[in-house]
Structures are given as structure tokens and as C-alpha cells.
């Protein structure tokens, strides 16, 4: 019975994954997100997802040198999953609008 208590104590004394600087960065980004002012990096579009806002905050904290775990590397399995999702959805094809006339091939 004593070993169970010791295991619980060891888990409680484990290191934190994120430092206080990372926490502040995420907090700042979430504040901007809630106000609707948080923009995506490349495209400049407004961020609409809470998870995206957190990811942006962690990314900026990482750049500042805060204690943040490394990004999860993208594996081939995850790329296969994303490609299968996109192939299962119906893709809309853009076609030119017809003028109403049918092209007939005239033979001389």
C-alpha cells in the first residue's frame, strides 16, 4: 500500500511542460483571438479556431525561447489520413458556362 502513495507523489512532483513565458504568450494570443484581431501568419486571414490561436501563441513563445515542448513532427501516416479525407469529399469542378448552342461538326 505504501508504494501506491509514493507513485502518486512522484507524478505530482514531475516537471512542467510549459514555462510561464509560454503561458503569457498563449494568454496574449487568446485575448486577441477573442477580440477578433488575431491574424494568421502567411495568409493574414482572421483566425477562427481556438486551437489555432493556442498554436500561434506556442509558436511565438518557441521563437522567444520559452520552455515549450518541440512540435510534433508530421509523419507519413498523418499525411495519408489527410489525403484520404480530401479524396472522400466531393470536389467541385469549375466548368465554363455554355452559351446554349451545341457545337456540331460539319462534314463537307
N, C-alpha and C. Protein backbone atom coordinates (compact mmCIF):
# COMPACT_ATOMS: atom_id res chain seq x y z
N UNK A 1 0.81 -1.19 0.00
CA UNK A 1 0.00 0.00 0.00
C UNK A 1 0.86 1.26 0.00
N UNK A 2 2.01 1.20 0.61
CA UNK A 2 2.87 2.37 0.68
C UNK A 2 3.42 2.73 -0.70
N UNK A 3 3.60 1.75 -1.55
CA UNK A 3 4.16 2.02 -2.88
C UNK A 3 3.18 2.83 -3.72
N UNK A 4 1.88 2.62 -3.56
CA UNK A 4 0.89 3.38 -4.32
C UNK A 4 0.96 4.87 -3.96
N UNK A 5 1.14 5.17 -2.70
CA UNK A 5 1.25 6.55 -2.26
C UNK A 5 2.51 7.22 -2.82
N UNK A 6 3.59 6.48 -2.88
CA UNK A 6 4.84 7.02 -3.40
C UNK A 6 4.75 7.32 -4.90
N UNK A 7 4.07 6.47 -5.62
CA UNK A 7 3.90 6.67 -7.06
C UNK A 7 3.10 7.94 -7.32
N UNK A 8 2.06 8.16 -6.53
CA UNK A 8 1.23 9.35 -6.69
C UNK A 8 2.04 10.61 -6.41
N UNK A 9 2.89 10.57 -5.42
CA UNK A 9 3.72 11.73 -5.08
C UNK A 9 4.72 12.02 -6.20
N UNK A 10 5.29 11.00 -6.77
CA UNK A 10 6.27 11.20 -7.84
C UNK A 10 5.63 11.85 -9.05
N UNK A 11 4.41 11.48 -9.38
CA UNK A 11 3.72 12.08 -10.52
C UNK A 11 3.44 13.55 -10.25
N UNK A 12 3.10 13.88 -9.03
CA UNK A 12 2.79 15.27 -8.69
C UNK A 12 4.04 16.14 -8.74
N UNK A 13 5.20 15.58 -8.51
CA UNK A 13 6.44 16.34 -8.48
C UNK A 13 7.13 16.39 -9.85
N UNK A 14 6.46 15.95 -10.90
CA UNK A 14 7.08 15.93 -12.22
C UNK A 14 7.24 17.35 -12.76
N UNK A 15 8.11 17.51 -13.74
CA UNK A 15 8.39 18.82 -14.32
C UNK A 15 7.20 19.34 -15.12
N UNK A 16 7.10 20.66 -15.19
CA UNK A 16 6.06 21.26 -16.01
C UNK A 16 6.48 21.23 -17.47
N UNK A 17 5.53 21.06 -18.35
CA UNK A 17 5.83 21.04 -19.78
C UNK A 17 6.05 22.45 -20.31
N UNK A 18 5.26 23.40 -19.84
CA UNK A 18 5.30 24.76 -20.36
C UNK A 18 5.76 25.74 -19.30
N UNK A 19 6.60 26.69 -19.70
CA UNK A 19 7.08 27.70 -18.78
C UNK A 19 6.11 28.86 -18.67
N UNK A 20 6.34 29.77 -17.72
CA UNK A 20 5.44 30.91 -17.54
C UNK A 20 5.43 31.86 -18.74
N UNK A 21 6.56 31.96 -19.44
CA UNK A 21 6.63 32.82 -20.63
C UNK A 21 5.71 32.29 -21.74
N UNK A 22 5.66 30.97 -21.87
CA UNK A 22 4.78 30.35 -22.86
C UNK A 22 3.32 30.60 -22.50
N UNK A 23 3.03 30.52 -21.21
CA UNK A 23 1.67 30.75 -20.74
C UNK A 23 1.21 32.17 -21.06
N UNK A 24 2.09 33.13 -20.84
CA UNK A 24 1.76 34.53 -21.13
C UNK A 24 1.53 34.75 -22.62
N UNK A 25 2.35 34.10 -23.44
CA UNK A 25 2.23 34.25 -24.89
C UNK A 25 0.89 33.71 -25.38
N UNK A 26 0.51 32.54 -24.88
CA UNK A 26 -0.77 31.94 -25.27
C UNK A 26 -1.92 32.82 -24.77
N UNK A 27 -1.78 33.34 -23.56
CA UNK A 27 -2.81 34.20 -22.98
C UNK A 27 -3.02 35.45 -23.85
N UNK A 28 -1.92 36.03 -24.31
CA UNK A 28 -1.98 37.23 -25.15
C UNK A 28 -2.68 36.94 -26.49
N UNK A 29 -2.31 35.80 -27.09
CA UNK A 29 -2.92 35.42 -28.37
C UNK A 29 -4.40 35.11 -28.22
N UNK A 30 -4.77 34.47 -27.11
CA UNK A 30 -6.18 34.16 -26.87
C UNK A 30 -6.99 35.45 -26.68
N UNK A 31 -6.37 36.44 -26.06
CA UNK A 31 -7.03 37.73 -25.86
C UNK A 31 -7.32 38.36 -27.22
N UNK A 32 -6.33 38.34 -28.11
CA UNK A 32 -6.51 38.89 -29.46
C UNK A 32 -7.56 38.10 -30.23
N UNK A 33 -7.53 36.78 -30.06
CA UNK A 33 -8.48 35.90 -30.74
C UNK A 33 -9.91 36.23 -30.34
N UNK A 34 -10.12 36.42 -29.04
CA UNK A 34 -11.46 36.72 -28.53
C UNK A 34 -11.96 38.07 -29.03
N UNK A 35 -11.04 38.99 -29.24
CA UNK A 35 -11.40 40.32 -29.76
C UNK A 35 -11.59 40.29 -31.29
N UNK A 36 -11.17 39.19 -31.92
CA UNK A 36 -11.30 39.08 -33.38
C UNK A 36 -10.18 39.78 -34.13
N UNK A 37 -9.06 40.01 -33.45
CA UNK A 37 -7.95 40.73 -34.08
C UNK A 37 -6.77 39.83 -34.43
N UNK A 38 -6.84 38.56 -34.10
CA UNK A 38 -5.73 37.64 -34.34
C UNK A 38 -5.72 37.23 -35.80
N UNK A 39 -4.59 37.46 -36.47
CA UNK A 39 -4.45 37.14 -37.88
C UNK A 39 -3.49 35.99 -38.06
N UNK A 40 -3.71 35.20 -39.09
CA UNK A 40 -2.83 34.09 -39.43
C UNK A 40 -1.55 34.65 -40.03
N UNK A 41 -0.46 33.92 -39.88
CA UNK A 41 0.85 34.40 -40.31
C UNK A 41 0.98 34.67 -41.78
N UNK A 42 0.82 33.66 -42.61
CA UNK A 42 1.09 33.83 -44.05
C UNK A 42 -0.05 34.52 -44.77
N UNK A 43 -1.24 33.99 -44.62
CA UNK A 43 -2.36 34.50 -45.41
C UNK A 43 -2.92 35.80 -44.87
N UNK A 44 -2.76 36.03 -43.57
CA UNK A 44 -3.29 37.25 -42.96
C UNK A 44 -4.78 37.19 -42.69
N UNK A 45 -5.38 36.00 -42.83
CA UNK A 45 -6.80 35.84 -42.56
C UNK A 45 -7.04 35.82 -41.06
N UNK A 46 -8.25 36.19 -40.65
CA UNK A 46 -8.60 36.18 -39.24
C UNK A 46 -8.72 34.74 -38.75
N UNK A 47 -8.11 34.46 -37.61
CA UNK A 47 -8.14 33.12 -37.03
C UNK A 47 -9.51 32.90 -36.41
N UNK A 48 -10.13 31.74 -36.71
CA UNK A 48 -11.46 31.45 -36.20
C UNK A 48 -11.49 30.25 -35.26
N UNK A 49 -10.37 29.58 -35.11
CA UNK A 49 -10.32 28.38 -34.28
C UNK A 49 -9.53 28.65 -33.00
N UNK A 50 -10.06 28.17 -31.88
CA UNK A 50 -9.38 28.31 -30.60
C UNK A 50 -8.05 27.57 -30.61
N UNK A 51 -8.02 26.39 -31.24
CA UNK A 51 -6.81 25.59 -31.30
C UNK A 51 -5.73 26.31 -32.11
N UNK A 52 -6.15 26.98 -33.18
CA UNK A 52 -5.19 27.73 -33.99
C UNK A 52 -4.58 28.85 -33.17
N UNK A 53 -5.39 29.53 -32.37
CA UNK A 53 -4.91 30.63 -31.54
C UNK A 53 -3.86 30.14 -30.54
N UNK A 54 -4.12 28.99 -29.94
CA UNK A 54 -3.18 28.41 -28.99
C UNK A 54 -1.89 28.03 -29.70
N UNK A 55 -2.00 27.44 -30.89
CA UNK A 55 -0.82 27.04 -31.66
C UNK A 55 0.03 28.24 -32.03
N UNK A 56 -0.61 29.34 -32.38
CA UNK A 56 0.13 30.56 -32.72
C UNK A 56 0.87 31.08 -31.49
N UNK A 57 0.20 31.07 -30.34
CA UNK A 57 0.83 31.51 -29.10
C UNK A 57 2.03 30.67 -28.74
N UNK A 58 1.91 29.35 -28.88
CA UNK A 58 3.02 28.46 -28.56
C UNK A 58 4.18 28.64 -29.54
N UNK A 59 3.83 28.86 -30.79
CA UNK A 59 4.85 29.07 -31.81
C UNK A 59 5.65 30.33 -31.52
N UNK A 60 4.96 31.40 -31.14
CA UNK A 60 5.66 32.65 -30.82
C UNK A 60 6.50 32.49 -29.56
N UNK A 61 6.00 31.75 -28.57
CA UNK A 61 6.76 31.50 -27.35
C UNK A 61 8.03 30.71 -27.67
N UNK A 62 7.90 29.76 -28.57
CA UNK A 62 9.04 28.95 -29.00
C UNK A 62 10.11 29.83 -29.64
N UNK A 63 9.65 30.80 -30.46
CA UNK A 63 10.57 31.72 -31.13
C UNK A 63 11.27 32.63 -30.13
N UNK A 64 10.58 32.98 -29.03
CA UNK A 64 11.16 33.83 -27.99
C UNK A 64 12.11 33.06 -27.08
N UNK A 65 12.10 31.74 -27.19
CA UNK A 65 12.99 30.93 -26.37
C UNK A 65 12.37 30.45 -25.08
N UNK A 66 11.04 30.45 -24.99
CA UNK A 66 10.35 29.99 -23.79
C UNK A 66 10.40 28.47 -23.72
N UNK A 67 10.09 27.95 -22.54
CA UNK A 67 10.08 26.49 -22.35
C UNK A 67 8.79 25.93 -22.92
N UNK A 68 8.90 25.36 -24.10
CA UNK A 68 7.75 24.76 -24.79
C UNK A 68 8.24 23.47 -25.43
N UNK A 69 7.49 22.37 -25.33
CA UNK A 69 7.91 21.14 -26.00
C UNK A 69 8.00 21.34 -27.50
N UNK A 70 8.87 20.58 -28.15
CA UNK A 70 9.04 20.68 -29.59
C UNK A 70 7.76 20.28 -30.30
N UNK A 71 7.59 20.82 -31.49
CA UNK A 71 6.41 20.47 -32.29
C UNK A 71 6.43 18.99 -32.60
N UNK A 72 5.24 18.42 -32.74
CA UNK A 72 5.15 17.02 -33.17
C UNK A 72 5.50 16.98 -34.64
N UNK A 73 6.40 16.08 -35.01
CA UNK A 73 6.78 16.00 -36.42
C UNK A 73 5.68 15.32 -37.20
N UNK A 74 5.45 15.81 -38.41
CA UNK A 74 4.40 15.21 -39.24
C UNK A 74 4.94 13.91 -39.82
N UNK A 75 4.19 12.86 -39.63
CA UNK A 75 4.60 11.55 -40.13
C UNK A 75 3.85 11.23 -41.41
N UNK A 76 4.26 10.18 -42.06
CA UNK A 76 3.60 9.79 -43.31
C UNK A 76 2.18 9.33 -43.05
N UNK A 77 1.94 8.76 -41.88
CA UNK A 77 0.60 8.28 -41.54
C UNK A 77 -0.40 9.43 -41.52
N UNK A 78 -0.02 10.55 -40.92
CA UNK A 78 -0.94 11.68 -40.82
C UNK A 78 -1.22 12.28 -42.20
N UNK A 79 -0.22 12.28 -43.07
CA UNK A 79 -0.44 12.83 -44.41
C UNK A 79 -1.35 11.92 -45.23
N UNK A 80 -1.25 10.62 -44.98
CA UNK A 80 -2.15 9.70 -45.69
C UNK A 80 -3.58 9.90 -45.24
N UNK A 81 -3.76 10.14 -43.94
CA UNK A 81 -5.11 10.35 -43.43
C UNK A 81 -5.72 11.60 -44.03
N UNK A 82 -4.94 12.66 -44.12
CA UNK A 82 -5.47 13.91 -44.65
C UNK A 82 -5.79 13.79 -46.13
N UNK A 83 -4.97 13.01 -46.86
CA UNK A 83 -5.24 12.86 -48.29
C UNK A 83 -6.47 11.99 -48.52
N UNK A 84 -6.70 11.00 -47.65
CA UNK A 84 -7.88 10.16 -47.82
C UNK A 84 -9.14 10.94 -47.49
N UNK A 85 -9.04 11.88 -46.55
CA UNK A 85 -10.20 12.70 -46.23
C UNK A 85 -10.57 13.59 -47.40
N UNK A 86 -9.56 14.18 -48.03
CA UNK A 86 -9.85 15.08 -49.12
C UNK A 86 -10.37 14.34 -50.34
N UNK A 87 -9.93 13.10 -50.54
CA UNK A 87 -10.41 12.35 -51.69
C UNK A 87 -11.83 11.84 -51.48
N UNK A 88 -12.22 11.64 -50.22
CA UNK A 88 -13.57 11.15 -49.96
C UNK A 88 -14.62 12.24 -50.15
N UNK A 89 -14.21 13.50 -49.98
CA UNK A 89 -15.15 14.59 -50.18
C UNK A 89 -15.34 14.82 -51.67
N UNK A 90 -16.53 15.27 -52.03
CA UNK A 90 -16.78 15.57 -53.43
C UNK A 90 -16.09 16.87 -53.78
N UNK A 91 -15.36 16.86 -54.86
CA UNK A 91 -14.68 18.06 -55.30
C UNK A 91 -15.53 18.78 -56.33
N UNK A 92 -15.62 20.06 -56.19
CA UNK A 92 -16.39 20.83 -57.16
C UNK A 92 -15.47 21.20 -58.31
N UNK A 93 -15.89 20.91 -59.49
CA UNK A 93 -15.08 21.24 -60.65
C UNK A 93 -15.61 22.50 -61.28
N UNK A 94 -14.70 23.33 -61.69
CA UNK A 94 -15.14 24.57 -62.33
C UNK A 94 -15.22 24.33 -63.83
N UNK A 95 -16.37 24.57 -64.36
CA UNK A 95 -16.60 24.38 -65.80
C UNK A 95 -17.03 25.70 -66.40
N UNK A 96 -16.70 25.87 -67.67
CA UNK A 96 -17.13 27.07 -68.36
C UNK A 96 -18.61 26.96 -68.65
N UNK A 97 -19.29 28.09 -68.51
CA UNK A 97 -20.72 28.09 -68.79
C UNK A 97 -20.93 27.99 -70.30
N UNK A 98 -21.89 27.16 -70.68
CA UNK A 98 -22.16 27.02 -72.11
C UNK A 98 -23.08 28.16 -72.57
N UNK A 99 -22.97 28.50 -73.84
CA UNK A 99 -23.78 29.60 -74.37
C UNK A 99 -25.15 29.12 -74.82
N UNK A 100 -25.40 27.85 -74.70
CA UNK A 100 -26.71 27.33 -75.09
C UNK A 100 -26.68 26.69 -76.48
N UNK A 101 -25.62 26.91 -77.21
CA UNK A 101 -25.52 26.32 -78.55
C UNK A 101 -24.65 25.08 -78.50
N UNK A 102 -25.06 24.10 -79.25
CA UNK A 102 -24.26 22.90 -79.35
C UNK A 102 -23.34 23.03 -80.55
N UNK A 103 -22.13 22.59 -80.37
CA UNK A 103 -21.19 22.61 -81.50
C UNK A 103 -21.46 21.38 -82.34
N UNK A 104 -21.72 21.60 -83.59
CA UNK A 104 -21.93 20.47 -84.48
C UNK A 104 -20.78 20.39 -85.44
N UNK A 105 -20.33 19.18 -85.67
CA UNK A 105 -19.22 19.03 -86.61
C UNK A 105 -19.81 18.85 -88.01
N UNK A 106 -19.48 19.78 -88.88
CA UNK A 106 -19.98 19.73 -90.26
C UNK A 106 -19.03 18.93 -91.12
N UNK A 107 -19.61 18.03 -91.87
CA UNK A 107 -18.79 17.23 -92.78
C UNK A 107 -18.99 17.72 -94.19
N UNK A 108 -17.94 18.02 -94.95
CA UNK A 108 -18.08 18.54 -96.32
C UNK A 108 -18.50 17.52 -97.34
